[in-house]
Amino acid sequence: MNRSRPVSLLSLGAVICAAFMSTAEAKTLRYASQDDPQTLDPHSANLLPTNRVLSQVYESLVMRDKNFKLVPALAVSWSQPDPKTWRFKLRPNVKFHGGEAFTADDVVFSVERAQSPLSQLKSSVQGVASAKKIDALTVDLIMKDPNPVLLNHLFNFRVMSKEWSVKNKSETPQNYKDREDSFASRTTNGTGPFKVTSRQPDIKTVLVVNTEWWNKNSPEKGNLTQVDLLPVKSNATRAAALLSGEVDFVLDPPPQDIARLKQNANVKVMEGRDARVQYLAFDQMRSELLYSDVKGKNPLKDVRVRQAISHAIDIEAIREKVMRSLSVPIGTMVTPDVRGYSKDADTRLAFDREKAKALLKDAGYANGFSITLDCGNVQPAADICQAIPPMLSQVGIRVTPNIVPQTNYFPKIQKFDTSMYLLSWGTPTFDSLYTLQALLHTNGGDASGKGDSNYGRYSNPKMDQLISQISVENDLKKRDGLIREALLINTADLPVIPLHQPLVPWAMRKNIDAVFTPNNVAYFFRFKIN
C-alpha cells in the first residue's frame, strides 16, 4: 500500500539499477506490488501487505509446509498435559537476526505483547490466558478454556526478542490507529529466513537472506539471496516492468493484463483461489450517519435497506467487467477451504432492482438517500468502488465513492469514521472462528480482541453467544454446527455483504520457480531463480 504517485518505467528501472548489482552468485528477486507494508511491528496492524513482509522475517511456534499442512517451526513438538494446557518444546540453537538466543522468555514476552490492547494480532493467541516458562526451552500456554484449533491460530503468531524489544523501548506494540512511530515499526529482529536491511517507505524495502537460519537446509528451500520489494502503484507500470524484465515477480498483476502476460514467451502466470472475501460493511451503531442526507436516523440499521443494497449489486457484472472473471461470487464470509464453511450459508440475494426498490419503500426510503462509500486506493478495490455507485443509483441510493490512500484508509475506518466501507478479509488460520470473532462479534474495545475489525459495530447477542460457544467447543462436529448457525445469521442479517472470493494470479519471469499459497503470501525462502 503506497501513496499514489506517477512512476515511470524509466524511473523504476533507475531505482532498481541503483540498488541491485548483478553477480553470478547473487540471486536477487525484484518484486513489484501496488502495496507497501504499513509497519514492521509484528503485533501492530493485521494487514495483508504487512503480513506478507513480516512472514519472511518473524516466525511462530508452527509453520505450514508447501502443501499448507501445519508442521513444527520454533517449537519442535507439543503436547497437552491437561485440556487447558499446551506444552511446547522449543527448538534449540536458534538465534535472532541480532544474535540473541531464542528461549522461552521470548515466547512468554511475545504472547503478552500480542495480547496488548494496542495489538491487532490478539486472535493469534486465541483463548490463551497466560504463557508460563517451564525451563529455557519449554513453555506452557495456559488456556482460559480448551481450544481444539489453537495451532491454527498460532500460525499467525510472531515471536520477538524480549531483550531487543526492551533495549529499544518496544515492549508494547505500535499504536497503529493513531499513526505512532516506534523503533519496532521501522526495524525488525526476527528468527526467519530473511532480514530487513533497508526500509524506504513507498520506495523500496530490501530483504537479505539469513545465512544462520535454523531451517536453511530444508528440502523446500530455494536459492534467493535477496528480495527487493518495490511498491509500484501504477498497474500499467507493473505489467510493463515485468514484460521488459526490469522486475521478476508481480504478486498483483492487473486483471486486464493477464491475457497479454500469458501470451508473452518470457512470462508465466500462476493462478489459485485466495482464502479471502471482498465485502461491504455498514455503520450500524450511530443513530444518525456521518455521511448521508438522512437526518435523525440511520437507514443502515434496517435489514430491509441492507437487503436492498445486496439485491441492487450486479455481482456478475463486477466479476466480468471489473475482475475480468478472476473471482467467484460468494454469499458467506469464509471460503470453502476454511473449517466450518457451510454451503447453505453461502447464499447471495439475487440481483433484482425491483425487489430492492420495494424493500426501500417498505423501509420508508421510497426516494432513496445519499451516502458515502469509503474504499482504499488499491486495485481491485478502487475499481469496485467506482462500479457499485451506478448500480445503487438505479434503485435510488445515491453513492459518492471516497477513495482514500491506504496509509490513511485503515486509521480512518478503525476510528469508525465511516458510514459504508469496502474491505477484503482473509482467514489465515483456516478456521471460521477467526473471521466470526473479528468481524461479527460485538466490538468490545478491550483486550479480548473480539470485534477488533467490526468497524460497523454490528451487535447481535445471539451471534456473540455462538462465537463464545465455538471458541470452547471440543467436539469438532458439534463445533461445525455452531459455526454453520453463526454463518446463517450473517446471511440473514447482512451486517456485512460478501461480494466475491478473488482468483489470485501471480505473474513472473519464466526463470522463476514459485510455490503458490492459498493465503496469497509469497514465502520467498521457497523461490528459485534458474
Foldseek 3Di string as FASTA:
>chain_A
DADDDDDALVNLLVLLVVPDDDDPQAFEAEEEEQDAALFQQLFADPDVNNLLVNVQAFFFQWAAPLVGDIAGDQFNDWDAPDQFKIKTFGDAPFAKPVGHGDWLVQVQLQLVQNLDLRGLLPQLQAQFPGKADPDRGMIMGGGPFGFQLNSLSRNSGGTADPVVCVVQVNSHDANLLVPGDGPSRAAGIHRHQWHFPDDDPQAKTKIAGDPSRPCLVPPLFARHGMYIYGNDNDLVSVVVCQLVVSGFWYQARALVCPVVQCPRPFKDKDWAFAFKFKWKFFQQPDQDDPFKPDPRGFLLVDLLLLLLLQLLDPLVCCCCPLNVVQWAWWFFGTDPQFQLDDPVLGDGDHNDLVSSLVSCVVSPPNQAIEFEEEEESHPPGVVVLVVSQVSVVSSRYHYDYDYHHPSVRVSCLLVLVGGMYIDMDHSSSSYCLVVLQQAPDAPPSDSNSGVSNNSSRDHDVVSNVLSVCLRRDPPSVVSSVSSNVNSNVCSSRVSMGTRTTGITMMMGTPQKDFRDDNNSRTNNRSMYGD
